[in-house]
Amino acid sequence: MSALSDAFTALLRRNGVPAERVQALWEEVVSAYSVRGRHYHTLHHIEDVHARIAEAPGGPEAPDALLLATVYHDLVLRAGRSDNEARSAHRMRERLGGLLPASMLERAARHILATRHHGASADRDTDLFTDADLSILGSPPVEYARYAQAIRREFKRYPDVLYKPGRRNVLTRFLAMPQLFKTNSFHARFERQARLNMQAELNGLT
């Protein structure tokens, strides 16, 4: 068991979900993040997001919704699709509707949908979540290189002539943001290295 699975289990049990249903729901999550073809968007990724949020000063305003967003935000993933976030949010509502408060699910869904563009939000919890999701960008160069390679493997069905322009667009959009990380703690910790990492990757996409 990981800290994330423990927290997910505790949340559901607090809301009266039977143990066998909790186990089935977690097994669905494990199965989704373990399918063949995932190299970065795996259980390790969502566990890392959970850990980054836990490290943040002050903590979230509504931790339960943030936990659900962490667990479900990449549940549905198909390289090249633009609706993965919406489909993941829908799947969360589908699986947890009637088990957890609707307001909690809707706030979690808003967090998930925000990961499509990672822009600034009026909700600090959303900013905290999207910052944690992007924190890999500010990792040491060797770790960032492994991340970039894993992303490329997830898009392996696309030849370089298609992948490289798309990846350049993603990196250019992030680099054009006046502030990649919205919360003070993530900005101080990751912003500079993230920009160095992305620029180095962009320079190599020739």
N, C-alpha and C. Protein backbone atom coordinates (compact mmCIF):
# COMPACT_ATOMS: atom_id res chain seq x y z
N MET A 1 0.85 -1.20 0.00
CA MET A 1 0.00 0.00 0.00
C MET A 1 0.88 1.25 0.00
N SER A 2 0.45 2.26 -0.72
CA SER A 2 1.17 3.53 -0.77
C SER A 2 0.41 4.58 0.02
N ALA A 3 1.06 5.72 0.23
CA ALA A 3 0.38 6.82 0.92
C ALA A 3 -0.87 7.24 0.15
N LEU A 4 -0.81 7.20 -1.18
CA LEU A 4 -1.96 7.60 -1.99
C LEU A 4 -3.10 6.60 -1.84
N SER A 5 -2.81 5.32 -1.95
CA SER A 5 -3.88 4.32 -1.81
C SER A 5 -4.48 4.35 -0.42
N ASP A 6 -3.64 4.57 0.59
CA ASP A 6 -4.15 4.68 1.96
C ASP A 6 -5.10 5.87 2.09
N ALA A 7 -4.71 7.01 1.52
CA ALA A 7 -5.55 8.21 1.62
C ALA A 7 -6.86 8.02 0.86
N PHE A 8 -6.80 7.41 -0.32
CA PHE A 8 -7.99 7.15 -1.13
C PHE A 8 -8.94 6.21 -0.38
N THR A 9 -8.39 5.16 0.19
CA THR A 9 -9.20 4.21 0.96
C THR A 9 -9.85 4.89 2.15
N ALA A 10 -9.09 5.71 2.86
CA ALA A 10 -9.62 6.38 4.05
C ALA A 10 -10.74 7.35 3.67
N LEU A 11 -10.59 8.06 2.57
CA LEU A 11 -11.62 8.99 2.13
C LEU A 11 -12.93 8.27 1.84
N LEU A 12 -12.85 7.19 1.10
CA LEU A 12 -14.07 6.46 0.76
C LEU A 12 -14.71 5.83 1.99
N ARG A 13 -13.90 5.27 2.86
CA ARG A 13 -14.46 4.63 4.06
C ARG A 13 -15.11 5.66 4.98
N ARG A 14 -14.55 6.88 5.07
CA ARG A 14 -15.16 7.94 5.87
C ARG A 14 -16.54 8.31 5.37
N ASN A 15 -16.76 8.09 4.09
CA ASN A 15 -18.04 8.42 3.49
C ASN A 15 -18.96 7.20 3.37
N GLY A 16 -18.61 6.16 4.09
CA GLY A 16 -19.50 5.01 4.20
C GLY A 16 -19.45 4.02 3.06
N VAL A 17 -18.44 4.09 2.22
CA VAL A 17 -18.34 3.14 1.11
C VAL A 17 -17.85 1.80 1.66
N PRO A 18 -18.54 0.69 1.36
CA PRO A 18 -18.13 -0.62 1.88
C PRO A 18 -16.72 -1.00 1.44
N ALA A 19 -16.05 -1.74 2.28
CA ALA A 19 -14.64 -2.09 2.04
C ALA A 19 -14.44 -2.78 0.71
N GLU A 20 -15.36 -3.68 0.33
CA GLU A 20 -15.17 -4.41 -0.92
C GLU A 20 -15.31 -3.49 -2.13
N ARG A 21 -16.18 -2.48 -2.02
CA ARG A 21 -16.33 -1.51 -3.12
C ARG A 21 -15.09 -0.63 -3.19
N VAL A 22 -14.56 -0.24 -2.05
CA VAL A 22 -13.34 0.56 -2.02
C VAL A 22 -12.22 -0.19 -2.72
N GLN A 23 -12.07 -1.46 -2.39
CA GLN A 23 -11.01 -2.27 -2.99
C GLN A 23 -11.19 -2.37 -4.50
N ALA A 24 -12.43 -2.56 -4.94
CA ALA A 24 -12.69 -2.66 -6.38
C ALA A 24 -12.37 -1.36 -7.09
N LEU A 25 -12.71 -0.24 -6.47
CA LEU A 25 -12.42 1.06 -7.08
C LEU A 25 -10.93 1.29 -7.20
N TRP A 26 -10.18 0.95 -6.16
CA TRP A 26 -8.73 1.14 -6.23
C TRP A 26 -8.11 0.20 -7.26
N GLU A 27 -8.60 -1.01 -7.36
CA GLU A 27 -8.08 -1.94 -8.35
C GLU A 27 -8.32 -1.43 -9.77
N GLU A 28 -9.45 -0.74 -9.99
CA GLU A 28 -9.71 -0.12 -11.29
C GLU A 28 -8.69 0.96 -11.59
N VAL A 29 -8.35 1.73 -10.57
CA VAL A 29 -7.34 2.79 -10.75
C VAL A 29 -6.00 2.17 -11.10
N VAL A 30 -5.59 1.17 -10.35
CA VAL A 30 -4.32 0.50 -10.60
C VAL A 30 -4.29 -0.06 -12.02
N SER A 31 -5.37 -0.69 -12.43
CA SER A 31 -5.44 -1.28 -13.77
C SER A 31 -5.31 -0.22 -14.85
N ALA A 32 -6.01 0.90 -14.67
CA ALA A 32 -5.98 1.96 -15.69
C ALA A 32 -4.59 2.55 -15.86
N TYR A 33 -3.89 2.75 -14.75
CA TYR A 33 -2.57 3.38 -14.81
C TYR A 33 -1.44 2.38 -15.14
N SER A 34 -1.80 1.12 -15.28
CA SER A 34 -0.79 0.09 -15.53
C SER A 34 -0.90 -0.52 -16.92
N VAL A 35 -1.77 0.02 -17.77
CA VAL A 35 -1.95 -0.56 -19.09
C VAL A 35 -0.70 -0.40 -19.92
N ARG A 36 -0.53 -1.30 -20.85
CA ARG A 36 0.60 -1.25 -21.76
C ARG A 36 0.59 0.05 -22.54
N GLY A 37 1.74 0.65 -22.70
CA GLY A 37 1.84 1.90 -23.44
C GLY A 37 2.00 3.12 -22.56
N ARG A 38 1.75 2.96 -21.26
CA ARG A 38 2.00 4.08 -20.33
C ARG A 38 3.45 4.00 -19.86
N HIS A 39 4.14 5.09 -19.97
CA HIS A 39 5.54 5.13 -19.54
C HIS A 39 5.80 6.25 -18.54
N TYR A 40 5.05 7.33 -18.64
CA TYR A 40 5.14 8.40 -17.65
C TYR A 40 3.87 8.52 -16.83
N HIS A 41 2.73 8.47 -17.46
CA HIS A 41 1.44 8.65 -16.77
C HIS A 41 1.01 7.34 -16.10
N THR A 42 1.76 6.99 -15.10
CA THR A 42 1.59 5.72 -14.39
C THR A 42 1.20 5.99 -12.93
N LEU A 43 1.10 4.92 -12.15
CA LEU A 43 0.85 5.08 -10.72
C LEU A 43 1.93 5.92 -10.07
N HIS A 44 3.15 5.77 -10.53
CA HIS A 44 4.25 6.55 -9.95
C HIS A 44 3.98 8.05 -10.11
N HIS A 45 3.44 8.44 -11.25
CA HIS A 45 3.15 9.86 -11.48
C HIS A 45 2.12 10.38 -10.48
N ILE A 46 1.01 9.67 -10.32
CA ILE A 46 -0.02 10.21 -9.42
C ILE A 46 0.43 10.13 -7.96
N GLU A 47 1.26 9.15 -7.64
CA GLU A 47 1.82 9.11 -6.28
C GLU A 47 2.77 10.29 -6.06
N ASP A 48 3.51 10.65 -7.09
CA ASP A 48 4.42 11.80 -6.99
C ASP A 48 3.63 13.10 -6.84
N VAL A 49 2.54 13.25 -7.59
CA VAL A 49 1.70 14.45 -7.45
C VAL A 49 1.16 14.54 -6.03
N HIS A 50 0.70 13.43 -5.50
CA HIS A 50 0.18 13.40 -4.13
C HIS A 50 1.26 13.83 -3.13
N ALA A 51 2.47 13.34 -3.33
CA ALA A 51 3.57 13.68 -2.42
C ALA A 51 3.93 15.16 -2.53
N ARG A 52 3.91 15.71 -3.73
CA ARG A 52 4.24 17.13 -3.92
C ARG A 52 3.20 18.01 -3.23
N ILE A 53 1.94 17.65 -3.33
CA ILE A 53 0.89 18.42 -2.67
C ILE A 53 1.07 18.36 -1.16
N ALA A 54 1.42 17.20 -0.65
CA ALA A 54 1.61 17.03 0.80
C ALA A 54 2.75 17.89 1.31
N GLU A 55 3.75 18.16 0.46
CA GLU A 55 4.90 18.97 0.86
C GLU A 55 4.61 20.47 0.86
N ALA A 56 3.55 20.88 0.18
CA ALA A 56 3.30 22.31 -0.02
C ALA A 56 2.92 23.00 1.28
N PRO A 57 3.50 24.15 1.57
CA PRO A 57 3.15 24.89 2.79
C PRO A 57 1.68 25.28 2.81
N GLY A 58 1.07 25.16 3.95
CA GLY A 58 -0.32 25.58 4.10
C GLY A 58 -1.33 24.53 3.77
N GLY A 59 -1.05 23.70 2.77
CA GLY A 59 -1.96 22.64 2.40
C GLY A 59 -3.18 23.16 1.65
N PRO A 60 -3.99 22.25 1.10
CA PRO A 60 -5.16 22.64 0.32
C PRO A 60 -6.34 23.04 1.19
N GLU A 61 -7.24 23.79 0.61
CA GLU A 61 -8.48 24.19 1.29
C GLU A 61 -9.44 23.01 1.39
N ALA A 62 -9.53 22.23 0.32
CA ALA A 62 -10.44 21.08 0.26
C ALA A 62 -9.64 19.85 -0.16
N PRO A 63 -8.95 19.22 0.79
CA PRO A 63 -8.03 18.13 0.44
C PRO A 63 -8.71 16.92 -0.19
N ASP A 64 -9.96 16.65 0.15
CA ASP A 64 -10.61 15.47 -0.42
C ASP A 64 -10.81 15.61 -1.92
N ALA A 65 -11.27 16.77 -2.37
CA ALA A 65 -11.44 16.99 -3.81
C ALA A 65 -10.10 16.94 -4.53
N LEU A 66 -9.06 17.45 -3.89
CA LEU A 66 -7.74 17.44 -4.50
C LEU A 66 -7.20 16.01 -4.59
N LEU A 67 -7.49 15.21 -3.60
CA LEU A 67 -7.08 13.80 -3.63
C LEU A 67 -7.76 13.07 -4.78
N LEU A 68 -9.05 13.30 -4.96
CA LEU A 68 -9.77 12.65 -6.06
C LEU A 68 -9.21 13.09 -7.41
N ALA A 69 -8.91 14.38 -7.55
CA ALA A 69 -8.32 14.87 -8.79
C ALA A 69 -6.98 14.19 -9.05
N THR A 70 -6.20 14.03 -8.01
CA THR A 70 -4.89 13.37 -8.15
C THR A 70 -5.06 11.95 -8.67
N VAL A 71 -5.98 11.21 -8.09
CA VAL A 71 -6.17 9.81 -8.45
C VAL A 71 -6.71 9.66 -9.86
N TYR A 72 -7.64 10.52 -10.26
CA TYR A 72 -8.37 10.29 -11.51
C TYR A 72 -7.94 11.16 -12.69
N HIS A 73 -7.01 12.09 -12.51
CA HIS A 73 -6.81 13.08 -13.57
C HIS A 73 -6.23 12.52 -14.85
N ASP A 74 -5.50 11.43 -14.79
CA ASP A 74 -4.97 10.80 -16.00
C ASP A 74 -5.52 9.39 -16.18
N LEU A 75 -6.69 9.13 -15.61
CA LEU A 75 -7.24 7.78 -15.68
C LEU A 75 -7.47 7.35 -17.12
N VAL A 76 -7.98 8.27 -17.93
CA VAL A 76 -8.18 8.01 -19.35
C VAL A 76 -7.07 8.70 -20.11
N LEU A 77 -6.33 7.95 -20.89
CA LEU A 77 -5.18 8.53 -21.60
C LEU A 77 -5.03 7.86 -22.95
N ARG A 78 -5.15 8.66 -23.98
CA ARG A 78 -4.85 8.19 -25.33
C ARG A 78 -4.04 9.26 -26.01
N ALA A 79 -2.81 8.92 -26.36
CA ALA A 79 -1.90 9.89 -26.94
C ALA A 79 -2.51 10.56 -28.16
N GLY A 80 -2.44 11.88 -28.17
CA GLY A 80 -2.92 12.65 -29.30
C GLY A 80 -4.34 13.15 -29.18
N ARG A 81 -5.10 12.65 -28.20
CA ARG A 81 -6.48 13.11 -28.02
C ARG A 81 -6.51 14.38 -27.19
N SER A 82 -7.48 15.23 -27.44
CA SER A 82 -7.59 16.49 -26.70
C SER A 82 -8.65 16.42 -25.61
N ASP A 83 -9.31 15.26 -25.46
CA ASP A 83 -10.40 15.16 -24.49
C ASP A 83 -10.09 14.20 -23.34
N ASN A 84 -8.82 13.87 -23.16
CA ASN A 84 -8.47 12.94 -22.08
C ASN A 84 -8.91 13.45 -20.71
N GLU A 85 -8.72 14.75 -20.49
CA GLU A 85 -9.08 15.31 -19.18
C GLU A 85 -10.59 15.24 -18.95
N ALA A 86 -11.36 15.61 -19.97
CA ALA A 86 -12.82 15.55 -19.84
C ALA A 86 -13.30 14.13 -19.64
N ARG A 87 -12.70 13.20 -20.34
CA ARG A 87 -13.09 11.80 -20.21
C ARG A 87 -12.69 11.25 -18.84
N SER A 88 -11.56 11.69 -18.32
CA SER A 88 -11.15 11.25 -16.99
C SER A 88 -12.09 11.79 -15.92
N ALA A 89 -12.46 13.08 -16.05
CA ALA A 89 -13.41 13.66 -15.10
C ALA A 89 -14.75 12.95 -15.17
N HIS A 90 -15.21 12.63 -16.38
CA HIS A 90 -16.47 11.91 -16.54
C HIS A 90 -16.40 10.54 -15.89
N ARG A 91 -15.29 9.85 -16.09
CA ARG A 91 -15.14 8.51 -15.50
C ARG A 91 -15.17 8.59 -13.98
N MET A 92 -14.53 9.62 -13.41
CA MET A 92 -14.56 9.79 -11.95
C MET A 92 -16.00 9.97 -11.47
N ARG A 93 -16.74 10.87 -12.12
CA ARG A 93 -18.14 11.09 -11.73
C ARG A 93 -18.95 9.80 -11.86
N GLU A 94 -18.70 9.07 -12.92
CA GLU A 94 -19.43 7.83 -13.19
C GLU A 94 -19.18 6.79 -12.10
N ARG A 95 -17.93 6.68 -11.67
CA ARG A 95 -17.57 5.64 -10.70
C ARG A 95 -17.91 6.04 -9.27
N LEU A 96 -17.87 7.34 -8.96
CA LEU A 96 -18.03 7.79 -7.57
C LEU A 96 -19.35 8.50 -7.30
N GLY A 97 -20.12 8.78 -8.36
CA GLY A 97 -21.42 9.41 -8.17
C GLY A 97 -22.32 8.57 -7.28
N GLY A 98 -22.94 9.21 -6.31
CA GLY A 98 -23.79 8.49 -5.36
C GLY A 98 -23.03 7.96 -4.16
N LEU A 99 -21.71 7.93 -4.27
CA LEU A 99 -20.88 7.45 -3.15
C LEU A 99 -20.29 8.62 -2.36
N LEU A 100 -19.99 9.71 -3.06
CA LEU A 100 -19.37 10.88 -2.44
C LEU A 100 -20.20 12.11 -2.77
N PRO A 101 -20.08 13.18 -1.98
CA PRO A 101 -20.87 14.38 -2.23
C PRO A 101 -20.64 14.95 -3.63
N ALA A 102 -21.73 15.37 -4.28
CA ALA A 102 -21.63 15.91 -5.63
C ALA A 102 -20.73 17.13 -5.69
N SER A 103 -20.76 17.96 -4.65
CA SER A 103 -19.93 19.17 -4.64
C SER A 103 -18.44 18.80 -4.63
N MET A 104 -18.08 17.74 -3.94
CA MET A 104 -16.69 17.28 -3.91
C MET A 104 -16.26 16.80 -5.30
N LEU A 105 -17.13 16.05 -5.95
CA LEU A 105 -16.81 15.52 -7.27
C LEU A 105 -16.69 16.65 -8.29
N GLU A 106 -17.55 17.65 -8.19
CA GLU A 106 -17.49 18.75 -9.15
C GLU A 106 -16.24 19.59 -8.96
N ARG A 107 -15.83 19.80 -7.73
CA ARG A 107 -14.58 20.56 -7.53
C ARG A 107 -13.39 19.75 -8.03
N ALA A 108 -13.39 18.44 -7.78
CA ALA A 108 -12.32 17.59 -8.30
C ALA A 108 -12.31 17.62 -9.82
N ALA A 109 -13.48 17.61 -10.43
CA ALA A 109 -13.56 17.66 -11.89
C ALA A 109 -12.96 18.96 -12.44
N ARG A 110 -13.22 20.07 -11.76
CA ARG A 110 -12.63 21.35 -12.20
C ARG A 110 -11.11 21.29 -12.12
N HIS A 111 -10.57 20.68 -11.08
CA HIS A 111 -9.11 20.52 -10.99
C HIS A 111 -8.59 19.72 -12.18
N ILE A 112 -9.27 18.61 -12.47
CA ILE A 112 -8.84 17.74 -13.56
C ILE A 112 -8.86 18.48 -14.89
N LEU A 113 -9.95 19.19 -15.16
CA LEU A 113 -10.07 19.91 -16.44
C LEU A 113 -9.01 20.99 -16.58
N ALA A 114 -8.54 21.53 -15.47
CA ALA A 114 -7.51 22.57 -15.51
C ALA A 114 -6.18 22.06 -16.01
N THR A 115 -5.96 20.74 -15.96
CA THR A 115 -4.68 20.20 -16.41
C THR A 115 -4.56 20.18 -17.93
N ARG A 116 -5.62 20.54 -18.62
CA ARG A 116 -5.49 20.61 -20.08
C ARG A 116 -4.60 21.76 -20.50
N HIS A 117 -4.69 22.90 -19.79
CA HIS A 117 -3.90 24.08 -20.17
C HIS A 117 -2.95 24.57 -19.08
N HIS A 118 -3.21 24.18 -17.82
CA HIS A 118 -2.34 24.55 -16.70
C HIS A 118 -2.21 26.06 -16.52
N GLY A 119 -3.26 26.78 -16.85
CA GLY A 119 -3.24 28.22 -16.62
C GLY A 119 -3.59 28.58 -15.19
N ALA A 120 -3.45 29.85 -14.84
CA ALA A 120 -3.77 30.30 -13.49
C ALA A 120 -5.26 30.20 -13.25
N SER A 121 -5.63 29.96 -11.99
CA SER A 121 -7.03 29.78 -11.61
C SER A 121 -7.38 30.69 -10.44
N ALA A 122 -8.67 30.95 -10.27
CA ALA A 122 -9.13 31.69 -9.09
C ALA A 122 -9.17 30.79 -7.86
N ASP A 123 -9.03 29.49 -8.06
CA ASP A 123 -9.05 28.51 -6.97
C ASP A 123 -7.61 28.12 -6.64
N ARG A 124 -7.15 28.46 -5.43
CA ARG A 124 -5.78 28.14 -5.07
C ARG A 124 -5.52 26.64 -5.11
N ASP A 125 -6.52 25.84 -4.76
CA ASP A 125 -6.33 24.39 -4.81
C ASP A 125 -6.07 23.92 -6.24
N THR A 126 -6.73 24.53 -7.21
CA THR A 126 -6.46 24.18 -8.60
C THR A 126 -5.03 24.54 -8.97
N ASP A 127 -4.58 25.72 -8.56
CA ASP A 127 -3.20 26.12 -8.83
C ASP A 127 -2.21 25.16 -8.16
N LEU A 128 -2.50 24.76 -6.95
CA LEU A 128 -1.65 23.82 -6.24
C LEU A 128 -1.58 22.50 -6.99
N PHE A 129 -2.73 22.05 -7.47
CA PHE A 129 -2.79 20.77 -8.18
C PHE A 129 -2.05 20.82 -9.50
N THR A 130 -2.29 21.85 -10.30
CA THR A 130 -1.61 21.92 -11.59
C THR A 130 -0.11 22.15 -11.41
N ASP A 131 0.28 22.86 -10.36
CA ASP A 131 1.71 23.01 -10.07
C ASP A 131 2.34 21.66 -9.74
N ALA A 132 1.66 20.89 -8.91
CA ALA A 132 2.19 19.56 -8.55
C ALA A 132 2.28 18.67 -9.78
N ASP A 133 1.29 18.77 -10.64
CA ASP A 133 1.27 17.96 -11.86
C ASP A 133 2.45 18.30 -12.77
N LEU A 134 2.87 19.56 -12.77
CA LEU A 134 3.96 20.00 -13.64
C LEU A 134 5.34 19.98 -12.97
N SER A 135 5.39 19.58 -11.71
CA SER A 135 6.65 19.70 -10.98
C SER A 135 7.78 18.88 -11.59
N ILE A 136 7.46 17.84 -12.35
CA ILE A 136 8.49 17.05 -13.03
C ILE A 136 9.33 17.93 -13.95
N LEU A 137 8.73 19.01 -14.47
CA LEU A 137 9.46 19.88 -15.39
C LEU A 137 10.65 20.55 -14.71
N GLY A 138 10.56 20.74 -13.39
CA GLY A 138 11.64 21.38 -12.66
C GLY A 138 12.57 20.42 -11.96
N SER A 139 12.55 19.17 -12.38
CA SER A 139 13.43 18.16 -11.77
C SER A 139 14.85 18.31 -12.30
N PRO A 140 15.82 17.65 -11.67
CA PRO A 140 17.20 17.70 -12.18
C PRO A 140 17.26 17.22 -13.63
N PRO A 141 18.22 17.72 -14.41
CA PRO A 141 18.26 17.41 -15.84
C PRO A 141 18.21 15.93 -16.20
N VAL A 142 18.88 15.09 -15.43
CA VAL A 142 18.86 13.66 -15.74
C VAL A 142 17.46 13.09 -15.59
N GLU A 143 16.78 13.48 -14.53
CA GLU A 143 15.40 13.02 -14.31
C GLU A 143 14.47 13.59 -15.37
N TYR A 144 14.67 14.85 -15.73
CA TYR A 144 13.86 15.45 -16.79
C TYR A 144 14.05 14.70 -18.11
N ALA A 145 15.28 14.31 -18.41
CA ALA A 145 15.54 13.58 -19.65
C ALA A 145 14.79 12.25 -19.66
N ARG A 146 14.72 11.57 -18.52
CA ARG A 146 13.95 10.32 -18.44
C ARG A 146 12.46 10.59 -18.67
N TYR A 147 11.98 11.69 -18.11
CA TYR A 147 10.58 12.08 -18.31
C TYR A 147 10.31 12.33 -19.80
N ALA A 148 11.17 13.11 -20.46
CA ALA A 148 10.97 13.43 -21.87
C ALA A 148 10.99 12.16 -22.72
N GLN A 149 11.87 11.23 -22.39
CA GLN A 149 11.93 9.96 -23.12
C GLN A 149 10.67 9.14 -22.90
N ALA A 150 10.14 9.17 -21.67
CA ALA A 150 8.92 8.43 -21.38
C ALA A 150 7.73 9.01 -22.14
N ILE A 151 7.66 10.33 -22.23
CA ILE A 151 6.60 10.96 -23.00
C ILE A 151 6.71 10.56 -24.47
N ARG A 152 7.93 10.55 -24.99
CA ARG A 152 8.10 10.14 -26.40
C ARG A 152 7.62 8.72 -26.61
N ARG A 153 7.87 7.82 -25.67
CA ARG A 153 7.43 6.43 -25.81
C ARG A 153 5.91 6.33 -25.78
N GLU A 154 5.26 7.23 -25.02
CA GLU A 154 3.80 7.20 -25.01
C GLU A 154 3.21 7.63 -26.36
N PHE A 155 3.99 8.36 -27.13
CA PHE A 155 3.56 8.81 -28.45
C PHE A 155 4.28 8.03 -29.56
N LYS A 156 4.68 6.81 -29.27
CA LYS A 156 5.54 6.09 -30.21
C LYS A 156 4.85 5.78 -31.54
N ARG A 157 3.51 5.79 -31.57
CA ARG A 157 2.84 5.52 -32.83
C ARG A 157 2.94 6.70 -33.80
N TYR A 158 3.44 7.84 -33.29
CA TYR A 158 3.62 9.00 -34.14
C TYR A 158 5.09 9.10 -34.58
N PRO A 159 5.35 9.21 -35.88
CA PRO A 159 6.74 9.39 -36.33
C PRO A 159 7.26 10.76 -35.92
N ASP A 160 8.58 10.92 -35.93
CA ASP A 160 9.19 12.19 -35.53
C ASP A 160 8.63 13.39 -36.31
N VAL A 161 8.30 13.16 -37.58
CA VAL A 161 7.82 14.27 -38.40
C VAL A 161 6.51 14.83 -37.86
N LEU A 162 5.77 14.04 -37.11
CA LEU A 162 4.54 14.51 -36.47
C LEU A 162 4.76 14.84 -35.00
N TYR A 163 5.56 14.01 -34.33
CA TYR A 163 5.75 14.22 -32.88
C TYR A 163 6.51 15.50 -32.58
N LYS A 164 7.59 15.72 -33.26
CA LYS A 164 8.45 16.86 -32.91
C LYS A 164 7.76 18.21 -33.03
N PRO A 165 7.01 18.49 -34.10
CA PRO A 165 6.29 19.77 -34.14
C PRO A 165 5.28 19.91 -33.00
N GLY A 166 4.58 18.82 -32.67
CA GLY A 166 3.63 18.88 -31.57
C GLY A 166 4.29 19.13 -30.25
N ARG A 167 5.40 18.46 -30.03
CA ARG A 167 6.13 18.66 -28.77
C ARG A 167 6.72 20.06 -28.71
N ARG A 168 7.21 20.57 -29.82
CA ARG A 168 7.72 21.94 -29.83
C ARG A 168 6.62 22.93 -29.47
N ASN A 169 5.42 22.69 -29.96
CA ASN A 169 4.30 23.57 -29.64
C ASN A 169 4.00 23.57 -28.15
N VAL A 170 4.03 22.39 -27.55
CA VAL A 170 3.76 22.28 -26.11
C VAL A 170 4.81 23.04 -25.31
N LEU A 171 6.07 22.79 -25.63
CA LEU A 171 7.16 23.45 -24.90
C LEU A 171 7.15 24.96 -25.10
N THR A 172 6.90 25.39 -26.32
CA THR A 172 6.86 26.82 -26.61
C THR A 172 5.73 27.50 -25.84
N ARG A 173 4.59 26.83 -25.77
CA ARG A 173 3.45 27.40 -25.03
C ARG A 173 3.79 27.55 -23.55
N PHE A 174 4.40 26.52 -22.97
CA PHE A 174 4.78 26.61 -21.55
C PHE A 174 5.82 27.70 -21.33
N LEU A 175 6.81 27.77 -22.19
CA LEU A 175 7.86 28.76 -22.02
C LEU A 175 7.34 30.19 -22.19
N ALA A 176 6.25 30.34 -22.94
CA ALA A 176 5.67 31.67 -23.15
C ALA A 176 4.85 32.15 -21.95
N MET A 177 4.51 31.25 -21.06
CA MET A 177 3.75 31.66 -19.87
C MET A 177 4.60 32.58 -19.01
N PRO A 178 4.05 33.69 -18.55
CA PRO A 178 4.84 34.58 -17.70
C PRO A 178 5.27 33.91 -16.40
N GLN A 179 4.47 32.99 -15.91
CA GLN A 179 4.80 32.26 -14.70
C GLN A 179 4.22 30.86 -14.83
N LEU A 180 5.09 29.87 -14.95
CA LEU A 180 4.65 28.49 -15.14
C LEU A 180 3.98 27.95 -13.88
N PHE A 181 4.62 28.19 -12.74
CA PHE A 181 4.10 27.72 -11.46
C PHE A 181 3.41 28.88 -10.75
N LYS A 182 2.17 28.65 -10.34
CA LYS A 182 1.33 29.74 -9.84
C LYS A 182 1.49 29.99 -8.34
N THR A 183 1.78 28.94 -7.57
CA THR A 183 1.91 29.11 -6.12
C THR A 183 3.36 29.48 -5.78
N ASN A 184 3.52 30.24 -4.73
CA ASN A 184 4.85 30.76 -4.39
C ASN A 184 5.87 29.66 -4.14
N SER A 185 5.47 28.62 -3.42
CA SER A 185 6.43 27.58 -3.06
C SER A 185 6.90 26.80 -4.28
N PHE A 186 5.98 26.47 -5.19
CA PHE A 186 6.38 25.73 -6.39
C PHE A 186 7.18 26.63 -7.32
N HIS A 187 6.80 27.90 -7.41
CA HIS A 187 7.54 28.82 -8.27
C HIS A 187 8.99 28.94 -7.81
N ALA A 188 9.17 29.12 -6.51
CA ALA A 188 10.52 29.27 -5.98
C ALA A 188 11.35 28.00 -6.16
N ARG A 189 10.71 26.88 -6.06
CA ARG A 189 11.43 25.60 -6.08
C ARG A 189 11.71 25.09 -7.49
N PHE A 190 10.78 25.32 -8.44
CA PHE A 190 10.86 24.63 -9.73
C PHE A 190 10.96 25.51 -10.97
N GLU A 191 10.57 26.79 -10.89
CA GLU A 191 10.42 27.61 -12.09
C GLU A 191 11.70 27.70 -12.92
N ARG A 192 12.79 28.08 -12.29
CA ARG A 192 14.02 28.32 -13.05
C ARG A 192 14.50 27.04 -13.74
N GLN A 193 14.55 25.94 -13.00
CA GLN A 193 15.05 24.69 -13.59
C GLN A 193 14.10 24.18 -14.66
N ALA A 194 12.80 24.37 -14.47
CA ALA A 194 11.84 23.93 -15.48
C ALA A 194 12.10 24.64 -16.81
N ARG A 195 12.36 25.93 -16.75
CA ARG A 195 12.59 26.68 -17.99
C ARG A 195 13.90 26.25 -18.65
N LEU A 196 14.91 25.99 -17.86
CA LEU A 196 16.17 25.50 -18.42
C LEU A 196 15.97 24.14 -19.07
N ASN A 197 15.24 23.26 -18.40
CA ASN A 197 15.00 21.91 -18.93
C ASN A 197 14.22 21.95 -20.25
N MET A 198 13.14 22.73 -20.26
CA MET A 198 12.31 22.77 -21.45
C MET A 198 13.03 23.42 -22.62
N GLN A 199 13.80 24.47 -22.33
CA GLN A 199 14.55 25.09 -23.42
C GLN A 199 15.59 24.14 -24.00
N ALA A 200 16.23 23.35 -23.14
CA ALA A 200 17.21 22.37 -23.62
C ALA A 200 16.52 21.32 -24.47
N GLU A 201 15.36 20.85 -24.05
CA GLU A 201 14.64 19.87 -24.86
C GLU A 201 14.22 20.48 -26.20
N LEU A 202 13.71 21.71 -26.14
CA LEU A 202 13.29 22.38 -27.36
C LEU A 202 14.44 22.54 -28.34
N ASN A 203 15.61 22.89 -27.80
CA ASN A 203 16.79 23.06 -28.66
C ASN A 203 17.18 21.75 -29.34
N GLY A 204 16.87 20.63 -28.69
CA GLY A 204 17.23 19.33 -29.24
C GLY A 204 16.22 18.74 -30.21
N LEU A 205 15.07 19.39 -30.35
CA LEU A 205 14.02 18.88 -31.24
C LEU A 205 14.22 19.41 -32.66
N THR A 206 15.32 19.02 -33.26
CA THR A 206 15.62 19.50 -34.62
C THR A 206 15.26 18.46 -35.65
